[in-house]
Structures are given as structure tokens and as C-alpha cells.
Amino acid sequence: MLFNNACVNEEFEMKKGFMTGKKWFPFVLLVGVVALSGFIIGFKFSDTDYLFRISKGIDIFGHVYKEVTMNYVDEVDPEKFMEGGIDGMLGALDPYTNFIGENEGDEVELITSGKYGGIGVTIGLRDGYITILSLLEGYSAQRQGLQPGDRILEIDGKPVIGVKPDAIRSMTRGEPGTEVRMKIDREGEKAPLNFVCVREEILLKNITYADFIDSGIAYVRLERFSRGAGDELRLAIKDLKMKGTIKGVILDLRDNPGGLLDVAVDVVEKFVPKGSLIVSTHGRQPESEKKYIAAEEPMLLDVPLLVLVNHNSASASEIVAGAIQDLDRGIIFGTRTFGKGLVQTILPLVYGTQLKITTAKYYTPSGRCIQEIDYMHKSKDGVFTVTPDSLRRGFKTLKGRSVFESGGVTPDSVAGETETGAMYKELLRKSMFFKFATKYVSQHKDSTRPVPPQEEVLGEFQKFLDEQQFTYQDEGEKKVSELSEIAEQSKYSPTIREEIERLRKDLGQEKKYSLDRDKANVLRGLMTELMLRYKGDAGRIAASLENDEQAKAAASLLLNGKEYSRLLSVKKTK
């Protein structure tokens, strides 16, 4: 069973970046490979000195552990101390080699199968309250009437104010068929509301949206590579074919942190000729040597294909992008991917614990490894080694196009993500879109218009910001403040300081137009939150695509046959 713990936990919010702590690193963990039950890799070394050094290390570690737990001045928790020692050892390796405690096995199940027992909510902290951010459609929480924006006050009679979101997981998850009682504070309601939800087996979707977004251009968003993603893609393609003629496909892997290696292979098989090499792995042990070949007839062999990626597209996403690029099957579009070319294996230990250990690197069909960071070598400043672009070795695609190792997958056509202003970023950071949508929906319960006019929403949002006394400091104001401090310290003349103060006031007046200057992004933030509440996750994604410049550019490229062919052709040298 192939493994990756990079996917998002659906019961509590994760940020786009590393989580604190050693154990789980959301946007980075690759593909994992084979979770073996009752199997231990047998190491065979002819070097007896090496075996002696291993035995010596185990002996020393055991003696230190025993002496400290028995004789330290204060009582030491044996389990925590042991885990601290293990984390210390593994900390000398890459961040993907982790110890999995006996209480963390459900995380492995979630990541590999995409299933868990719960009520179908995603939660996070908003203004100090555990708040429902979104609901999984068709599950208990949604059916019972919970809504995004609801603040959770109690779970099964226990107050949760001040409790960390990850601690809520054990309270909402559990055996399917059991009940979860929740007390909720809702915008617009005078008294708390009580709900009784029944835990079910929650199956997370890998494909969250699939539809036509332009003249014959099919758009498929693949958000993770857990078990069943290939089957979901097969059904999505069949449904799209029934809707109309597919002239081109956009496979959106932006922000997809990865998943299972064999699932990535299954996805690629839908587009490439049977018998094509998709990916290979190579490690220290002979059993790590594997080649993955397309074993089924493709569903869309000749339809133009574009894979949309960004820096958060990692691991299994990079296997797909690398294979499509090396086989010249489609265009890779967007920004350079994350650069994770390592493969992990799950090994069972004792007492229900497991070890996720990096056992191999993977290689795209051309033979390149896209791993960016060399975790076994650091500079004198303690920084991990990264291969500079000038030293990246070149490889050739099937047609002879030049591609390069290390540093992720470089797009065939680069398209930067939409730039956002300081105001938009601050609105997002302070959850103003989320808070406004919660209030708006509570005030329009009886509205017969499922999609409110954008200009009307923008006007109400401006009033909401005034009520909230929303403020922020843009880049110009920061620079003027720095200049003012320099003028004060350097004892500039009063005239200069007056000019600086006048500039500060002018910038304050200019900020009044910030919302209009970043209108497109602000509307995107508003409409995605509102559509999430009115039409669920599919509505949210559809709304986001209306102002998605990358997706629009991708569709235009697929419709431009001449440019599409040019990007896939070998450049002639003079």
C-alpha cells in the first residue's frame, strides 16, 4: 500500500506550509510507497565493522535511556522521553522520515484510503473560537443543519473554548454509528443551538470539481492522491464525454501535496499510451528497484492536455507532471513545482507503532530525479544543500525536448499566479471574507436569489468593513514610517519632516481606493465564501474559476492549436 501523509486532514484546518513539530509536514511529504504488514527489511552488509557500529549505537542509546528515566532529578515520562530520543535521531535525516505513535495510526488510514469515522466538518480557529469552516456534502453535519461560521461551544457536554483544533479531532472522530452532541453559537441566533450528529465513514473526494469552463475545454481539479483517485478520474471523464465533445483537458494540480505513488500512476494511465514507462524508483535495497508501466488503454490519448501546477504541487503531483512532460503528452503550465523526489515506506514496529522511512528516490521517464534539497549535506551555516540551476543536469523528453533534474518540474509555459494587494492579504489574514459571508447568509435566510449580484455584495462588504473598523498598513505607509524614523534620528530639517507628514496623509487618502484597485481579487474572495455556503464546495470552486487568470490562460492555450504544438516541439538550433 503506497503512502503519503501530505494531504489535508478534513477535520481541522491546516495552513499552506509546514506544520510546527516534527511529525507531520503538510505540503511536502511525497508519495509514499508500500505499507508492509509484518515485514521487516533485511539488511545484508558484508562490512562487519558497520554492523558493530549499529550494535554499539543501540547499546549506548539503551543505557542512556535507562539511566535518565531511572535517575534524573525529576520524574521523566518514559514514553515522551523515548519519542523525544527517536525524533532527535530522525531529525538528522529528511523531514519525511517519521515515527508514528500507537495513537496516530488513524492518520495513516486517512492519508492512504481517504477514509475516517467522523461527522464531515472542517474546523479552525476564528477570533479565539473553534469554528466550522466548511462541511462535506451529504454527511451528518450538513444533513443536521450545521453551517460554516458556526462556533462550537461544547462537544458532548464538554466546553471547547480555548481547546486547540487538533485536540477536537478525537472528540468528533470515532466509530461510525456513534453520536456527537454539539452546542453551537450561530450568527443571528439569540440562544445557542443544540445538534446531534451521527458519526459515519467519511470518504474524502480526490476530484472536487469537473466541468467544462470554455468551448469544449474540460477542467478537472484533483486535490489529493488517496485510494480511488484513478477511478474518480475515470468516472469524471465519462461524465464529461456525455455532456459534450472534449476539445482539451486542464488537469489542475495546484496546491496538491501528493499522495500514493501507484495512484499517481493510475492517473497518468488515463492519458498516455499503454506500455509507457511512467516512473521508476531506486534506493539502497534491491526491492526498492521498481518500474511502473502504463497497463491500461488510455481514455483520452489524442486530446490536448494541460497540467496546471504551482510551487505547492508536490510528490505524486510531480510524478504526474514529470511523466506527462517527459512523454510529450501535454503542456505543464504555471510555476515550478515543489521538488520532492523521495519515496517513503511504512514499516510496522512494536506496540502498534510504525516507522515511515525514506527508502528510495523516484525518477521520471527521462531518468531525472526532481528532488531539490539534499538532506544529507549542509553548508557550514547549517543550511541544506540545493543544486543551483546552473548545475542541474539536462535530460531529453521522448521527442528530444530539454528538461532538467532537481528543483521540481519546470513548466513548459510559465504563468505566474495573480498578484494581490496588501489590503486583500490583510482581509484574508483577518478572515474578513469568512466573517462577512457568515453575517450575510444569516441576514438573507429567506432570499430567493441563490447568487447575489456582485456589486451589491461589494457595497455591503464595504459597510461591513466600516462596522468592523478594519484597518491595515500598506507598503507605502510602511516606507513612509521608516523614512519618518530616519528623519527623526538624523535630525532632518522641519521642512523635510513636514513633507514626510504630508505624504503620510496623502497615502491615507489614497488607501480609500484600495478596494477598487484590487476589486477582482476582493470579489473572488467574497464570492467563493458566499458560494461555499449557497452551493457547497462545487459552487466555491466554480466561483473561484471566474476570476482565475491562470485557468483562463490555460484554456486559451489549449484552444490555440498552433501555440500548443509549438510548445511540444523541439526547438531548432541554428
Foldseek 3Di string as FASTA:
>chain_A
DKWWLQADDQAEDDDLFQDPDQAGGHLATFIAGAADPPDDDDDDDPPVVVVVVVVVVVVVVVVVLVCCCVPPPDHDDSVVVVLVVVSVVCVLFDSNWHKFDLVRVVSRVCQAAVKFWFQFFYWYDAPQFTFTQAGDPPGFCVVQPHFGGKTWQDKPRHGCRVPHSVVCCVRGTDDFQDKIWTWTDAPPDPHIDITITTIDIDHDAQWLAWEDDDDQEIEIEGQEQHPPNLVVVVVSVVVHVVVHHHQEYEYEQELRSYGHQVSLLSNLLQEAAFQAWQKFKDFDDPVRTDTRTNHDGHNHHPHEYEYEYEQSRDHSSLSNVLQCQQQLRYFYEAFFYNQDFWYWYWYDDPPNMIITGTGIGMAGRQGATAHFWDSNDADPVRHTDGDDPVPWDWTAGPQGAIFTHYDGGGTLYYDYFDDAFPVLVVCVVNVLLSVLLSNVCSVCVPPPDLQDDLVVSVVVSVVVCVVVVDDDAGPVLVVLVVVLVVCVVVVPDPVVNVVSVVVNVVVVVVVVCNCVVRVLSVSLSNQLSNLCRSPNPNRSVVSNVVSGPRVVVVVVCSVPVVNRVVSSHHDDDD
